[in-house]
Amino acid sequence: GNIRPVTIAASAQFVTGSASHVTGDNTTLLG
């Protein structure tokens, strides 16, 4: 938005994921 002389940026995000069949000890992130 541009409400002169002020500018505005706003955001919302959503992220989702399903656990795979791989166990955590076989991944680098959950090693």
All heavy atoms as atom14 arrays in JSON, in Angstrom:
{
  "sequence": "GNIRPVTIAASAQFVTGSASHVTGDNTTLLG",
  "atom14_mask": [
    [1, 1, 1, 1, 0, 0, 0, 0, 0, 0, 0, 0, 0, 0],
    [1, 1, 1, 1, 1, 1, 1, 1, 0, 0, 0, 0, 0, 0],
    [1, 1, 1, 1, 1, 1, 1, 1, 0, 0, 0, 0, 0, 0],
    [1, 1, 1, 1, 1, 1, 1, 1, 1, 1, 1, 0, 0, 0],
    [1, 1, 1, 1, 1, 1, 1, 0, 0, 0, 0, 0, 0, 0],
    [1, 1, 1, 1, 1, 1, 1, 0, 0, 0, 0, 0, 0, 0],
    [1, 1, 1, 1, 1, 1, 1, 0, 0, 0, 0, 0, 0, 0],
    [1, 1, 1, 1, 1, 1, 1, 1, 0, 0, 0, 0, 0, 0],
    [1, 1, 1, 1, 1, 0, 0, 0, 0, 0, 0, 0, 0, 0],
    [1, 1, 1, 1, 1, 0, 0, 0, 0, 0, 0, 0, 0, 0],
    [1, 1, 1, 1, 1, 1, 0, 0, 0, 0, 0, 0, 0, 0],
    [1, 1, 1, 1, 1, 0, 0, 0, 0, 0, 0, 0, 0, 0],
    [1, 1, 1, 1, 1, 1, 1, 1, 1, 0, 0, 0, 0, 0],
    [1, 1, 1, 1, 1, 1, 1, 1, 1, 1, 1, 0, 0, 0],
    [1, 1, 1, 1, 1, 1, 1, 0, 0, 0, 0, 0, 0, 0],
    [1, 1, 1, 1, 1, 1, 1, 0, 0, 0, 0, 0, 0, 0],
    [1, 1, 1, 1, 0, 0, 0, 0, 0, 0, 0, 0, 0, 0],
    [1, 1, 1, 1, 1, 1, 0, 0, 0, 0, 0, 0, 0, 0],
    [1, 1, 1, 1, 1, 0, 0, 0, 0, 0, 0, 0, 0, 0],
    [1, 1, 1, 1, 1, 1, 0, 0, 0, 0, 0, 0, 0, 0],
    [1, 1, 1, 1, 1, 1, 1, 1, 1, 1, 0, 0, 0, 0],
    [1, 1, 1, 1, 1, 1, 1, 0, 0, 0, 0, 0, 0, 0],
    [1, 1, 1, 1, 1, 1, 1, 0, 0, 0, 0, 0, 0, 0],
    [1, 1, 1, 1, 0, 0, 0, 0, 0, 0, 0, 0, 0, 0],
    [1, 1, 1, 1, 1, 1, 1, 1, 0, 0, 0, 0, 0, 0],
    [1, 1, 1, 1, 1, 1, 1, 1, 0, 0, 0, 0, 0, 0],
    [1, 1, 1, 1, 1, 1, 1, 0, 0, 0, 0, 0, 0, 0],
    [1, 1, 1, 1, 1, 1, 1, 0, 0, 0, 0, 0, 0, 0],
    [1, 1, 1, 1, 1, 1, 1, 1, 0, 0, 0, 0, 0, 0],
    [1, 1, 1, 1, 1, 1, 1, 1, 0, 0, 0, 0, 0, 0],
    [1, 1, 1, 1, 0, 0, 0, 0, 0, 0, 0, 0, 0, 0]
  ],
  "atom14_positions": [
    [[0.81, -1.2, 0.0], [0.0, 0.0, 0.0], [0.85, 1.25, 0.0], [1.98, 1.27, 0.48], [0.0, 0.0, 0.0], [0.0, 0.0, 0.0], [0.0, 0.0, 0.0], [0.0, 0.0, 0.0], [0.0, 0.0, 0.0], [0.0, 0.0, 0.0], [0.0, 0.0, 0.0], [0.0, 0.0, 0.0], [0.0, 0.0, 0.0], [0.0, 0.0, 0.0]],
    [[0.31, 2.3, -0.58], [0.99, 3.6, -0.63], [0.0, 4.66, -0.18], [-0.84, 5.12, -0.93], [1.49, 3.88, -2.05], [2.38, 5.1, -2.1], [2.5, 5.86, -1.14], [3.01, 5.31, -3.25], [0.0, 0.0, 0.0], [0.0, 0.0, 0.0], [0.0, 0.0, 0.0], [0.0, 0.0, 0.0], [0.0, 0.0, 0.0], [0.0, 0.0, 0.0]],
    [[0.1, 4.99, 1.11], [-0.74, 6.05, 1.68], [0.2, 7.23, 1.9], [0.73, 7.42, 2.99], [-1.41, 5.6, 2.99], [-2.13, 4.26, 2.77], [-2.4, 6.65, 3.48], [-2.67, 3.65, 4.04], [0.0, 0.0, 0.0], [0.0, 0.0, 0.0], [0.0, 0.0, 0.0], [0.0, 0.0, 0.0], [0.0, 0.0, 0.0], [0.0, 0.0, 0.0]],
    [[0.46, 7.96, 0.86], [1.52, 8.96, 0.85], [1.47, 9.86, 2.09], [0.4, 10.32, 2.47], [1.44, 9.82, -0.42], [1.71, 9.01, -1.69], [1.58, 9.87, -2.94], [1.88, 9.12, -4.15], [1.01, 8.36, -4.79], [-0.23, 8.25, -4.33], [1.36, 7.7, -5.87], [0.0, 0.0, 0.0], [0.0, 0.0, 0.0], [0.0, 0.0, 0.0]],
    [[2.64, 10.02, 2.75], [3.99, 9.58, 2.37], [4.39, 8.23, 2.97], [5.57, 7.9, 3.02], [4.87, 10.69, 2.93], [4.17, 11.08, 4.2], [2.7, 10.94, 3.91], [0.0, 0.0, 0.0], [0.0, 0.0, 0.0], [0.0, 0.0, 0.0], [0.0, 0.0, 0.0], [0.0, 0.0, 0.0], [0.0, 0.0, 0.0], [0.0, 0.0, 0.0]],
    [[3.44, 7.43, 3.45], [3.73, 6.17, 4.11], [3.51, 5.01, 3.14], [2.52, 4.98, 2.4], [2.83, 5.99, 5.35], [3.06, 4.62, 5.99], [3.09, 7.1, 6.37], [0.0, 0.0, 0.0], [0.0, 0.0, 0.0], [0.0, 0.0, 0.0], [0.0, 0.0, 0.0], [0.0, 0.0, 0.0], [0.0, 0.0, 0.0], [0.0, 0.0, 0.0]],
    [[4.44, 4.05, 3.15], [4.28, 2.82, 2.38], [4.1, 1.65, 3.35], [4.68, 1.64, 4.44], [5.48, 2.55, 1.47], [6.67, 2.42, 2.28], [5.66, 3.67, 0.46], [0.0, 0.0, 0.0], [0.0, 0.0, 0.0], [0.0, 0.0, 0.0], [0.0, 0.0, 0.0], [0.0, 0.0, 0.0], [0.0, 0.0, 0.0], [0.0, 0.0, 0.0]],
    [[3.33, 0.67, 2.92], [3.02, -0.48, 3.78], [3.21, -1.76, 2.99], [2.79, -1.86, 1.83], [1.58, -0.41, 4.32], [1.34, 0.89, 5.1], [1.26, -1.61, 5.2], [-0.12, 1.11, 5.45], [0.0, 0.0, 0.0], [0.0, 0.0, 0.0], [0.0, 0.0, 0.0], [0.0, 0.0, 0.0], [0.0, 0.0, 0.0], [0.0, 0.0, 0.0]],
    [[3.83, -2.75, 3.62], [3.9, -4.1, 3.07], [3.46, -5.05, 4.17], [3.98, -4.99, 5.29], [5.31, -4.44, 2.61], [0.0, 0.0, 0.0], [0.0, 0.0, 0.0], [0.0, 0.0, 0.0], [0.0, 0.0, 0.0], [0.0, 0.0, 0.0], [0.0, 0.0, 0.0], [0.0, 0.0, 0.0], [0.0, 0.0, 0.0], [0.0, 0.0, 0.0]],
    [[2.49, -5.9, 3.88], [2.0, -6.86, 4.86], [1.89, -8.22, 4.19], [1.65, -8.32, 2.97], [0.65, -6.43, 5.41], [0.0, 0.0, 0.0], [0.0, 0.0, 0.0], [0.0, 0.0, 0.0], [0.0, 0.0, 0.0], [0.0, 0.0, 0.0], [0.0, 0.0, 0.0], [0.0, 0.0, 0.0], [0.0, 0.0, 0.0], [0.0, 0.0, 0.0]],
    [[2.07, -9.28, 4.97], [2.06, -10.62, 4.38], [1.59, -11.66, 5.38], [1.7, -11.48, 6.6], [3.47, -10.99, 3.88], [4.38, -11.02, 4.97], [0.0, 0.0, 0.0], [0.0, 0.0, 0.0], [0.0, 0.0, 0.0], [0.0, 0.0, 0.0], [0.0, 0.0, 0.0], [0.0, 0.0, 0.0], [0.0, 0.0, 0.0], [0.0, 0.0, 0.0]],
    [[1.08, -12.74, 4.85], [0.73, -13.91, 5.64], [1.22, -15.13, 4.87], [1.15, -15.16, 3.64], [-0.78, -13.99, 5.86], [0.0, 0.0, 0.0], [0.0, 0.0, 0.0], [0.0, 0.0, 0.0], [0.0, 0.0, 0.0], [0.0, 0.0, 0.0], [0.0, 0.0, 0.0], [0.0, 0.0, 0.0], [0.0, 0.0, 0.0], [0.0, 0.0, 0.0]],
    [[1.75, -16.14, 5.58], [2.21, -17.34, 4.9], [1.72, -18.59, 5.62], [1.45, -18.59, 6.82], [3.73, -17.37, 4.77], [4.49, -17.68, 6.05], [5.97, -17.94, 5.8], [6.48, -17.79, 4.7], [6.68, -18.33, 6.84], [0.0, 0.0, 0.0], [0.0, 0.0, 0.0], [0.0, 0.0, 0.0], [0.0, 0.0, 0.0], [0.0, 0.0, 0.0]],
    [[1.64, -19.67, 4.84], [1.19, -20.97, 5.33], [2.06, -22.01, 4.66], [2.22, -22.01, 3.44], [-0.29, -21.14, 4.94], [-0.84, -22.52, 5.14], [-1.41, -22.88, 6.35], [-0.82, -23.45, 4.11], [-1.94, -24.16, 6.53], [-1.34, -24.73, 4.28], [-1.9, -25.07, 5.5], [0.0, 0.0, 0.0], [0.0, 0.0, 0.0], [0.0, 0.0, 0.0]],
    [[2.66, -22.89, 5.45], [3.5, -23.96, 4.91], [3.11, -25.26, 5.59], [3.0, -25.31, 6.83], [5.01, -23.69, 5.15], [5.85, -24.76, 4.47], [5.41, -22.31, 4.67], [0.0, 0.0, 0.0], [0.0, 0.0, 0.0], [0.0, 0.0, 0.0], [0.0, 0.0, 0.0], [0.0, 0.0, 0.0], [0.0, 0.0, 0.0], [0.0, 0.0, 0.0]],
    [[2.89, -26.31, 4.82], [2.53, -27.59, 5.4], [3.26, -28.71, 4.67], [3.59, -28.59, 3.48], [1.01, -27.81, 5.35], [0.68, -29.02, 6.04], [0.5, -27.91, 3.92], [0.0, 0.0, 0.0], [0.0, 0.0, 0.0], [0.0, 0.0, 0.0], [0.0, 0.0, 0.0], [0.0, 0.0, 0.0], [0.0, 0.0, 0.0], [0.0, 0.0, 0.0]],
    [[3.53, -29.79, 5.38], [4.19, -30.93, 4.78], [3.82, -32.21, 5.49], [3.51, -32.21, 6.69], [0.0, 0.0, 0.0], [0.0, 0.0, 0.0], [0.0, 0.0, 0.0], [0.0, 0.0, 0.0], [0.0, 0.0, 0.0], [0.0, 0.0, 0.0], [0.0, 0.0, 0.0], [0.0, 0.0, 0.0], [0.0, 0.0, 0.0], [0.0, 0.0, 0.0]],
    [[3.85, -33.3, 4.77], [3.53, -34.62, 5.32], [4.81, -35.38, 5.6], [5.77, -35.31, 4.82], [2.67, -35.42, 4.33], [1.46, -34.75, 4.06], [0.0, 0.0, 0.0], [0.0, 0.0, 0.0], [0.0, 0.0, 0.0], [0.0, 0.0, 0.0], [0.0, 0.0, 0.0], [0.0, 0.0, 0.0], [0.0, 0.0, 0.0], [0.0, 0.0, 0.0]],
    [[4.82, -36.1, 6.71], [5.98, -36.93, 7.02], [6.09, -38.05, 6.0], [5.09, -38.7, 5.67], [5.85, -37.5, 8.43], [0.0, 0.0, 0.0], [0.0, 0.0, 0.0], [0.0, 0.0, 0.0], [0.0, 0.0, 0.0], [0.0, 0.0, 0.0], [0.0, 0.0, 0.0], [0.0, 0.0, 0.0], [0.0, 0.0, 0.0], [0.0, 0.0, 0.0]],
    [[7.29, -38.26, 5.48], [7.5, -39.34, 4.53], [7.67, -40.66, 5.28], [7.64, -40.71, 6.51], [8.74, -39.05, 3.67], [9.91, -39.16, 4.48], [0.0, 0.0, 0.0], [0.0, 0.0, 0.0], [0.0, 0.0, 0.0], [0.0, 0.0, 0.0], [0.0, 0.0, 0.0], [0.0, 0.0, 0.0], [0.0, 0.0, 0.0], [0.0, 0.0, 0.0]],
    [[7.9, -41.72, 4.53], [8.13, -43.03, 5.14], [9.56, -43.18, 5.65], [9.89, -44.17, 6.3], [7.81, -44.14, 4.13], [6.38, -44.17, 3.71], [5.38, -44.66, 4.5], [5.77, -43.75, 2.57], [4.22, -44.56, 3.88], [4.42, -44.0, 2.7], [0.0, 0.0, 0.0], [0.0, 0.0, 0.0], [0.0, 0.0, 0.0], [0.0, 0.0, 0.0]],
    [[10.4, -42.22, 5.34], [11.8, -42.28, 5.76], [11.89, -41.93, 7.24], [11.29, -40.95, 7.7], [12.66, -41.31, 4.93], [14.1, -41.35, 5.4], [12.58, -41.68, 3.47], [0.0, 0.0, 0.0], [0.0, 0.0, 0.0], [0.0, 0.0, 0.0], [0.0, 0.0, 0.0], [0.0, 0.0, 0.0], [0.0, 0.0, 0.0], [0.0, 0.0, 0.0]],
    [[12.63, -42.7, 8.0], [12.8, -42.42, 9.42], [13.82, -41.31, 9.63], [14.69, -41.08, 8.8], [13.24, -43.68, 10.18], [14.46, -44.17, 9.61], [12.17, -44.75, 10.09], [0.0, 0.0, 0.0], [0.0, 0.0, 0.0], [0.0, 0.0, 0.0], [0.0, 0.0, 0.0], [0.0, 0.0, 0.0], [0.0, 0.0, 0.0], [0.0, 0.0, 0.0]],
    [[13.7, -40.63, 10.75], [14.53, -39.46, 11.01], [16.01, -39.74, 11.01], [16.81, -38.89, 10.61], [0.0, 0.0, 0.0], [0.0, 0.0, 0.0], [0.0, 0.0, 0.0], [0.0, 0.0, 0.0], [0.0, 0.0, 0.0], [0.0, 0.0, 0.0], [0.0, 0.0, 0.0], [0.0, 0.0, 0.0], [0.0, 0.0, 0.0], [0.0, 0.0, 0.0]],
    [[16.43, -40.94, 11.45], [17.85, -41.25, 11.51], [18.46, -41.39, 10.12], [19.68, -41.42, 9.98], [18.09, -42.51, 12.33], [17.32, -43.71, 11.79], [16.1, -43.58, 11.62], [17.93, -44.77, 11.57], [0.0, 0.0, 0.0], [0.0, 0.0, 0.0], [0.0, 0.0, 0.0], [0.0, 0.0, 0.0], [0.0, 0.0, 0.0], [0.0, 0.0, 0.0]],
    [[17.62, -41.47, 9.07], [18.12, -41.54, 7.69], [18.07, -40.2, 6.98], [18.17, -40.13, 5.75], [17.33, -42.57, 6.89], [17.71, -43.99, 7.23], [18.89, -44.27, 7.46], [16.75, -44.88, 7.3], [0.0, 0.0, 0.0], [0.0, 0.0, 0.0], [0.0, 0.0, 0.0], [0.0, 0.0, 0.0], [0.0, 0.0, 0.0], [0.0, 0.0, 0.0]],
    [[17.87, -39.12, 7.71], [17.85, -37.79, 7.13], [18.94, -36.94, 7.77], [19.37, -37.2, 8.89], [16.5, -37.09, 7.34], [16.37, -36.73, 8.72], [15.34, -37.99, 6.94], [0.0, 0.0, 0.0], [0.0, 0.0, 0.0], [0.0, 0.0, 0.0], [0.0, 0.0, 0.0], [0.0, 0.0, 0.0], [0.0, 0.0, 0.0], [0.0, 0.0, 0.0]],
    [[19.38, -35.9, 7.05], [20.39, -35.03, 7.64], [19.77, -34.06, 8.64], [20.41, -33.68, 9.62], [21.12, -34.23, 6.54], [20.16, -33.53, 5.76], [21.93, -35.14, 5.65], [0.0, 0.0, 0.0], [0.0, 0.0, 0.0], [0.0, 0.0, 0.0], [0.0, 0.0, 0.0], [0.0, 0.0, 0.0], [0.0, 0.0, 0.0], [0.0, 0.0, 0.0]],
    [[18.52, -33.65, 8.43], [17.91, -32.67, 9.32], [17.51, -33.26, 10.66], [17.45, -32.57, 11.67], [16.68, -32.03, 8.66], [16.95, -31.19, 7.42], [15.67, -30.53, 6.94], [18.01, -30.14, 7.67], [0.0, 0.0, 0.0], [0.0, 0.0, 0.0], [0.0, 0.0, 0.0], [0.0, 0.0, 0.0], [0.0, 0.0, 0.0], [0.0, 0.0, 0.0]],
    [[17.2, -34.55, 10.69], [16.81, -35.21, 11.94], [17.72, -36.41, 12.21], [17.3, -37.42, 12.75], [15.35, -35.67, 11.87], [14.29, -34.57, 11.94], [12.9, -35.16, 11.72], [14.34, -33.85, 13.28], [0.0, 0.0, 0.0], [0.0, 0.0, 0.0], [0.0, 0.0, 0.0], [0.0, 0.0, 0.0], [0.0, 0.0, 0.0], [0.0, 0.0, 0.0]],
    [[18.99, -36.26, 11.85], [19.92, -37.37, 11.95], [20.15, -37.89, 13.35], [20.62, -39.0, 13.54], [0.0, 0.0, 0.0], [0.0, 0.0, 0.0], [0.0, 0.0, 0.0], [0.0, 0.0, 0.0], [0.0, 0.0, 0.0], [0.0, 0.0, 0.0], [0.0, 0.0, 0.0], [0.0, 0.0, 0.0], [0.0, 0.0, 0.0], [0.0, 0.0, 0.0]]
  ]
}
